[in-house]
């Protein structure tokens, strides 16, 4: 990913979050997703930084999908 190509002329909201499966992570990511239209309307692209591995993210996504079904 080329940061400057991706961001283009947009502002970037760059944030980090603690490990997956924590309340803070879920709250930050969920709220950022809920506000996606508002970010877009303001020409802002959110970019979250995590120290977790790809495998951990895949587990978290799958866990979230299972929770949404129940």
PDB file of N, CA and C in Angstrom:
ATOM      1  N   UNK A   1       0.844  -1.172   0.000  1.00  0.00           N
ATOM      2  CA  UNK A   1       0.000   0.000   0.000  1.00  0.00           C
ATOM      3  C   UNK A   1       0.891   1.238   0.000  1.00  0.00           C
ATOM      4  N   UNK A   2       0.596   2.139  -0.875  1.00  0.00           N
ATOM      5  CA  UNK A   2       1.276   3.428  -0.872  1.00  0.00           C
ATOM      6  C   UNK A   2       0.365   4.413  -0.142  1.00  0.00           C
ATOM      7  N   UNK A   3       0.793   4.829   1.038  1.00  0.00           N
ATOM      8  CA  UNK A   3      -0.036   5.694   1.874  1.00  0.00           C
ATOM      9  C   UNK A   3      -0.490   6.941   1.117  1.00  0.00           C
ATOM     10  N   UNK A   4       0.412   7.609   0.463  1.00  0.00           N
ATOM     11  CA  UNK A   4       0.062   8.866  -0.199  1.00  0.00           C
ATOM     12  C   UNK A   4      -0.842   8.643  -1.416  1.00  0.00           C
ATOM     13  N   UNK A   5      -0.659   7.554  -2.126  1.00  0.00           N
ATOM     14  CA  UNK A   5      -1.584   7.249  -3.219  1.00  0.00           C
ATOM     15  C   UNK A   5      -2.962   6.929  -2.669  1.00  0.00           C
ATOM     16  N   UNK A   6      -3.023   6.128  -1.600  1.00  0.00           N
ATOM     17  CA  UNK A   6      -4.299   5.747  -1.002  1.00  0.00           C
ATOM     18  C   UNK A   6      -5.029   6.953  -0.438  1.00  0.00           C
ATOM     19  N   UNK A   7      -4.322   7.820   0.284  1.00  0.00           N
ATOM     20  CA  UNK A   7      -4.987   8.957   0.924  1.00  0.00           C
ATOM     21  C   UNK A   7      -5.379  10.030  -0.083  1.00  0.00           C
ATOM     22  N   UNK A   8      -4.626  10.148  -1.172  1.00  0.00           N
ATOM     23  CA  UNK A   8      -4.963  11.138  -2.188  1.00  0.00           C
ATOM     24  C   UNK A   8      -5.043  12.531  -1.595  1.00  0.00           C
ATOM     25  N   UNK A   9      -6.166  13.194  -1.816  1.00  0.00           N
ATOM     26  CA  UNK A   9      -6.353  14.550  -1.282  1.00  0.00           C
ATOM     27  C   UNK A   9      -7.200  14.551  -0.013  1.00  0.00           C
ATOM     28  N   UNK A  10      -7.469  13.364   0.533  1.00  0.00           N
ATOM     29  CA  UNK A  10      -8.282  13.247   1.748  1.00  0.00           C
ATOM     30  C   UNK A  10      -7.457  13.493   3.003  1.00  0.00           C
ATOM     31  N   UNK A  11      -8.144  13.860   4.060  1.00  0.00           N
ATOM     32  CA  UNK A  11      -7.557  13.838   5.393  1.00  0.00           C
ATOM     33  C   UNK A  11      -7.539  12.386   5.830  1.00  0.00           C
ATOM     34  N   UNK A  12      -6.657  12.041   6.753  1.00  0.00           N
ATOM     35  CA  UNK A  12      -6.607  10.675   7.274  1.00  0.00           C
ATOM     36  C   UNK A  12      -6.746  10.714   8.791  1.00  0.00           C
ATOM     37  N   UNK A  13      -7.698   9.930   9.292  1.00  0.00           N
ATOM     38  CA  UNK A  13      -7.881   9.736  10.725  1.00  0.00           C
ATOM     39  C   UNK A  13      -7.132   8.452  11.068  1.00  0.00           C
ATOM     40  N   UNK A  14      -5.939   8.598  11.624  1.00  0.00           N
ATOM     41  CA  UNK A  14      -5.050   7.476  11.912  1.00  0.00           C
ATOM     42  C   UNK A  14      -5.137   7.153  13.397  1.00  0.00           C
ATOM     43  N   UNK A  15      -5.530   5.934  13.722  1.00  0.00           N
ATOM     44  CA  UNK A  15      -5.670   5.559  15.123  1.00  0.00           C
ATOM     45  C   UNK A  15      -5.143   4.153  15.349  1.00  0.00           C
ATOM     46  N   UNK A  16      -4.783   3.882  16.584  1.00  0.00           N
ATOM     47  CA  UNK A  16      -4.353   2.534  16.946  1.00  0.00           C
ATOM     48  C   UNK A  16      -5.335   1.986  17.974  1.00  0.00           C
ATOM     49  N   UNK A  17      -5.331   0.696  18.116  1.00  0.00           N
ATOM     50  CA  UNK A  17      -6.215   0.081  19.104  1.00  0.00           C
ATOM     51  C   UNK A  17      -5.499  -1.080  19.776  1.00  0.00           C
ATOM     52  N   UNK A  18      -5.958  -1.440  20.963  1.00  0.00           N
ATOM     53  CA  UNK A  18      -5.339  -2.573  21.661  1.00  0.00           C
ATOM     54  C   UNK A  18      -5.705  -3.882  20.977  1.00  0.00           C
ATOM     55  N   UNK A  19      -5.292  -4.947  21.552  1.00  0.00           N
ATOM     56  CA  UNK A  19      -5.476  -6.281  20.973  1.00  0.00           C
ATOM     57  C   UNK A  19      -6.940  -6.584  20.651  1.00  0.00           C
ATOM     58  N   UNK A  20      -7.126  -7.460  19.649  1.00  0.00           N
ATOM     59  CA  UNK A  20      -8.471  -7.936  19.312  1.00  0.00           C
ATOM     60  C   UNK A  20      -9.093  -8.626  20.525  1.00  0.00           C
ATOM     61  N   UNK A  21     -10.393  -8.736  20.484  1.00  0.00           N
ATOM     62  CA  UNK A  21     -11.185  -9.379  21.535  1.00  0.00           C
ATOM     63  C   UNK A  21     -11.200  -8.569  22.824  1.00  0.00           C
ATOM     64  N   UNK A  22     -10.910  -7.292  22.739  1.00  0.00           N
ATOM     65  CA  UNK A  22     -11.018  -6.421  23.919  1.00  0.00           C
ATOM     66  C   UNK A  22     -12.170  -5.446  23.686  1.00  0.00           C
ATOM     67  N   UNK A  23     -12.822  -4.984  24.748  1.00  0.00           N
ATOM     68  CA  UNK A  23     -13.937  -4.046  24.577  1.00  0.00           C
ATOM     69  C   UNK A  23     -13.540  -2.752  23.865  1.00  0.00           C
ATOM     70  N   UNK A  24     -12.351  -2.260  24.126  1.00  0.00           N
ATOM     71  CA  UNK A  24     -11.935  -1.000  23.496  1.00  0.00           C
ATOM     72  C   UNK A  24     -11.773  -1.200  21.990  1.00  0.00           C
ATOM     73  N   UNK A  25     -11.154  -2.287  21.588  1.00  0.00           N
ATOM     74  CA  UNK A  25     -10.963  -2.569  20.168  1.00  0.00           C
ATOM     75  C   UNK A  25     -12.307  -2.644  19.456  1.00  0.00           C
ATOM     76  N   UNK A  26     -13.217  -3.406  20.010  1.00  0.00           N
ATOM     77  CA  UNK A  26     -14.530  -3.582  19.402  1.00  0.00           C
ATOM     78  C   UNK A  26     -15.275  -2.262  19.307  1.00  0.00           C
ATOM     79  N   UNK A  27     -15.205  -1.461  20.360  1.00  0.00           N
ATOM     80  CA  UNK A  27     -15.877  -0.163  20.370  1.00  0.00           C
ATOM     81  C   UNK A  27     -15.285   0.769  19.327  1.00  0.00           C
ATOM     82  N   UNK A  28     -13.970   0.876  19.278  1.00  0.00           N
ATOM     83  CA  UNK A  28     -13.324   1.783  18.314  1.00  0.00           C
ATOM     84  C   UNK A  28     -13.611   1.371  16.880  1.00  0.00           C
ATOM     85  N   UNK A  29     -13.423   0.116  16.568  1.00  0.00           N
ATOM     86  CA  UNK A  29     -13.632  -0.344  15.198  1.00  0.00           C
ATOM     87  C   UNK A  29     -15.109  -0.247  14.800  1.00  0.00           C
ATOM     88  N   UNK A  30     -15.978  -0.657  15.699  1.00  0.00           N
ATOM     89  CA  UNK A  30     -17.413  -0.603  15.413  1.00  0.00           C
ATOM     90  C   UNK A  30     -17.898   0.818  15.193  1.00  0.00           C
ATOM     91  N   UNK A  31     -17.474   1.722  16.050  1.00  0.00           N
ATOM     92  CA  UNK A  31     -17.910   3.121  15.924  1.00  0.00           C
ATOM     93  C   UNK A  31     -17.330   3.768  14.664  1.00  0.00           C
ATOM     94  N   UNK A  32     -16.103   3.441  14.342  1.00  0.00           N
ATOM     95  CA  UNK A  32     -15.504   3.968  13.115  1.00  0.00           C
ATOM     96  C   UNK A  32     -16.307   3.496  11.907  1.00  0.00           C
ATOM     97  N   UNK A  33     -16.699   2.225  11.899  1.00  0.00           N
ATOM     98  CA  UNK A  33     -17.506   1.696  10.793  1.00  0.00           C
ATOM     99  C   UNK A  33     -18.869   2.391  10.738  1.00  0.00           C
ATOM    100  N   UNK A  34     -19.493   2.614  11.895  1.00  0.00           N
ATOM    101  CA  UNK A  34     -20.790   3.294  11.925  1.00  0.00           C
ATOM    102  C   UNK A  34     -20.711   4.711  11.369  1.00  0.00           C
ATOM    103  N   UNK A  35     -19.574   5.350  11.543  1.00  0.00           N
ATOM    104  CA  UNK A  35     -19.412   6.739  11.098  1.00  0.00           C
ATOM    105  C   UNK A  35     -18.817   6.858   9.693  1.00  0.00           C
ATOM    106  N   UNK A  36     -18.777   5.756   8.950  1.00  0.00           N
ATOM    107  CA  UNK A  36     -18.109   5.778   7.645  1.00  0.00           C
ATOM    108  C   UNK A  36     -18.683   6.829   6.701  1.00  0.00           C
ATOM    109  N   UNK A  37     -19.998   7.019   6.685  1.00  0.00           N
ATOM    110  CA  UNK A  37     -20.589   8.035   5.807  1.00  0.00           C
ATOM    111  C   UNK A  37     -20.164   9.433   6.226  1.00  0.00           C
ATOM    112  N   UNK A  38     -20.157   9.690   7.536  1.00  0.00           N
ATOM    113  CA  UNK A  38     -19.732  11.003   8.020  1.00  0.00           C
ATOM    114  C   UNK A  38     -18.272  11.284   7.681  1.00  0.00           C
ATOM    115  N   UNK A  39     -17.419  10.265   7.840  1.00  0.00           N
ATOM    116  CA  UNK A  39     -16.015  10.435   7.458  1.00  0.00           C
ATOM    117  C   UNK A  39     -15.918  10.759   5.970  1.00  0.00           C
ATOM    118  N   UNK A  40     -16.629   9.985   5.156  1.00  0.00           N
ATOM    119  CA  UNK A  40     -16.593  10.189   3.712  1.00  0.00           C
ATOM    120  C   UNK A  40     -17.099  11.587   3.333  1.00  0.00           C
ATOM    121  N   UNK A  41     -18.182  12.014   3.964  1.00  0.00           N
ATOM    122  CA  UNK A  41     -18.737  13.342   3.694  1.00  0.00           C
ATOM    123  C   UNK A  41     -17.740  14.454   4.009  1.00  0.00           C
ATOM    124  N   UNK A  42     -16.859  14.212   4.969  1.00  0.00           N
ATOM    125  CA  UNK A  42     -15.849  15.201   5.372  1.00  0.00           C
ATOM    126  C   UNK A  42     -14.509  14.985   4.657  1.00  0.00           C
ATOM    127  N   UNK A  43     -14.502  14.074   3.691  1.00  0.00           N
ATOM    128  CA  UNK A  43     -13.295  13.734   2.935  1.00  0.00           C
ATOM    129  C   UNK A  43     -12.185  13.254   3.881  1.00  0.00           C
ATOM    130  N   UNK A  44     -12.553  12.333   4.761  1.00  0.00           N
ATOM    131  CA  UNK A  44     -11.620  11.750   5.730  1.00  0.00           C
ATOM    132  C   UNK A  44     -11.623  10.234   5.553  1.00  0.00           C
ATOM    133  N   UNK A  45     -10.445   9.639   5.537  1.00  0.00           N
ATOM    134  CA  UNK A  45     -10.308   8.183   5.458  1.00  0.00           C
ATOM    135  C   UNK A  45      -9.749   7.668   6.779  1.00  0.00           C
ATOM    136  N   UNK A  46     -10.506   6.820   7.486  1.00  0.00           N
ATOM    137  CA  UNK A  46      -9.972   6.234   8.718  1.00  0.00           C
ATOM    138  C   UNK A  46      -8.975   5.127   8.414  1.00  0.00           C
ATOM    139  N   UNK A  47      -7.942   5.056   9.228  1.00  0.00           N
ATOM    140  CA  UNK A  47      -6.913   4.023   9.086  1.00  0.00           C
ATOM    141  C   UNK A  47      -6.531   3.550  10.478  1.00  0.00           C
ATOM    142  N   UNK A  48      -6.879   2.302  10.806  1.00  0.00           N
ATOM    143  CA  UNK A  48      -6.584   1.740  12.117  1.00  0.00           C
ATOM    144  C   UNK A  48      -5.325   0.899  12.100  1.00  0.00           C
ATOM    145  N   UNK A  49      -4.505   1.083  13.099  1.00  0.00           N
ATOM    146  CA  UNK A  49      -3.260   0.332  13.241  1.00  0.00           C
ATOM    147  C   UNK A  49      -3.404  -0.683  14.358  1.00  0.00           C
ATOM    148  N   UNK A  50      -3.008  -1.901  14.089  1.00  0.00           N
ATOM    149  CA  UNK A  50      -3.074  -2.959  15.087  1.00  0.00           C
ATOM    150  C   UNK A  50      -1.746  -3.708  15.122  1.00  0.00           C
ATOM    151  N   UNK A  51      -1.418  -4.227  16.273  1.00  0.00           N
ATOM    152  CA  UNK A  51      -0.211  -5.036  16.400  1.00  0.00           C
ATOM    153  C   UNK A  51      -0.528  -6.530  16.322  1.00  0.00           C
ATOM    154  N   UNK A  52      -1.818  -6.869  16.223  1.00  0.00           N
ATOM    155  CA  UNK A  52      -2.197  -8.280  16.115  1.00  0.00           C
ATOM    156  C   UNK A  52      -1.826  -8.845  14.744  1.00  0.00           C
ATOM    157  N   UNK A  53      -1.703 -10.143  14.687  1.00  0.00           N
ATOM    158  CA  UNK A  53      -1.357 -10.824  13.435  1.00  0.00           C
ATOM    159  C   UNK A  53      -2.596 -10.928  12.536  1.00  0.00           C
ATOM    160  N   UNK A  54      -2.357 -11.254  11.286  1.00  0.00           N
ATOM    161  CA  UNK A  54      -3.455 -11.472  10.345  1.00  0.00           C
ATOM    162  C   UNK A  54      -4.343 -12.613  10.851  1.00  0.00           C
ATOM    163  N   UNK A  55      -3.731 -13.658  11.376  1.00  0.00           N
ATOM    164  CA  UNK A  55      -4.495 -14.797  11.895  1.00  0.00           C
ATOM    165  C   UNK A  55      -5.440 -14.365  13.018  1.00  0.00           C
ATOM    166  N   UNK A  56      -4.965 -13.504  13.902  1.00  0.00           N
ATOM    167  CA  UNK A  56      -5.816 -13.003  14.994  1.00  0.00           C
ATOM    168  C   UNK A  56      -6.979 -12.181  14.453  1.00  0.00           C
ATOM    169  N   UNK A  57      -6.720 -11.378  13.434  1.00  0.00           N
ATOM    170  CA  UNK A  57      -7.799 -10.589  12.829  1.00  0.00           C
ATOM    171  C   UNK A  57      -8.841 -11.493  12.186  1.00  0.00           C
ATOM    172  N   UNK A  58      -8.394 -12.531  11.508  1.00  0.00           N
ATOM    173  CA  UNK A  58      -9.336 -13.457  10.886  1.00  0.00           C
ATOM    174  C   UNK A  58     -10.197 -14.146  11.935  1.00  0.00           C
ATOM    175  N   UNK A  59      -9.602 -14.530  13.063  1.00  0.00           N
ATOM    176  CA  UNK A  59     -10.374 -15.125  14.161  1.00  0.00           C
ATOM    177  C   UNK A  59     -11.402 -14.134  14.686  1.00  0.00           C
ATOM    178  N   UNK A  60     -10.998 -12.876  14.837  1.00  0.00           N
ATOM    179  CA  UNK A  60     -11.882 -11.836  15.363  1.00  0.00           C
ATOM    180  C   UNK A  60     -13.050 -11.588  14.414  1.00  0.00           C
ATOM    181  N   UNK A  61     -12.771 -11.540  13.109  1.00  0.00           N
ATOM    182  CA  UNK A  61     -13.818 -11.336  12.107  1.00  0.00           C
ATOM    183  C   UNK A  61     -14.803 -12.502  12.142  1.00  0.00           C
ATOM    184  N   UNK A  62     -14.287 -13.726  12.193  1.00  0.00           N
ATOM    185  CA  UNK A  62     -15.155 -14.905  12.235  1.00  0.00           C
ATOM    186  C   UNK A  62     -16.003 -14.906  13.511  1.00  0.00           C
ATOM    187  N   UNK A  63     -15.412 -14.563  14.633  1.00  0.00           N
ATOM    188  CA  UNK A  63     -16.140 -14.481  15.893  1.00  0.00           C
ATOM    189  C   UNK A  63     -17.259 -13.448  15.797  1.00  0.00           C
ATOM    190  N   UNK A  64     -16.980 -12.311  15.174  1.00  0.00           N
ATOM    191  CA  UNK A  64     -17.963 -11.246  15.015  1.00  0.00           C
ATOM    192  C   UNK A  64     -19.112 -11.704  14.117  1.00  0.00           C
ATOM    193  N   UNK A  65     -18.788 -12.441  13.055  1.00  0.00           N
ATOM    194  CA  UNK A  65     -19.827 -12.957  12.154  1.00  0.00           C
ATOM    195  C   UNK A  65     -20.744 -13.938  12.885  1.00  0.00           C
ATOM    196  N   UNK A  66     -20.157 -14.817  13.683  1.00  0.00           N
ATOM    197  CA  UNK A  66     -20.970 -15.786  14.432  1.00  0.00           C
ATOM    198  C   UNK A  66     -21.865 -15.064  15.426  1.00  0.00           C
ATOM    199  N   UNK A  67     -21.364 -14.036  16.072  1.00  0.00           N
ATOM    200  CA  UNK A  67     -22.151 -13.290  17.046  1.00  0.00           C
ATOM    201  C   UNK A  67     -23.316 -12.566  16.368  1.00  0.00           C
ATOM    202  N   UNK A  68     -23.107 -12.077  15.154  1.00  0.00           N
ATOM    203  CA  UNK A  68     -24.152 -11.356  14.433  1.00  0.00           C
ATOM    204  C   UNK A  68     -25.296 -12.279  14.024  1.00  0.00           C
ATOM    205  N   UNK A  69     -25.006 -13.552  13.808  1.00  0.00           N
ATOM    206  CA  UNK A  69     -26.030 -14.511  13.397  1.00  0.00           C
ATOM    207  C   UNK A  69     -26.923 -14.893  14.565  1.00  0.00           C
ATOM    208  N   UNK A  70     -26.357 -14.906  15.774  1.00  0.00           N
ATOM    209  CA  UNK A  70     -27.136 -15.347  16.952  1.00  0.00           C
ATOM    210  C   UNK A  70     -27.915 -14.252  17.553  1.00  0.00           C
TER     211      UNK A  70
END
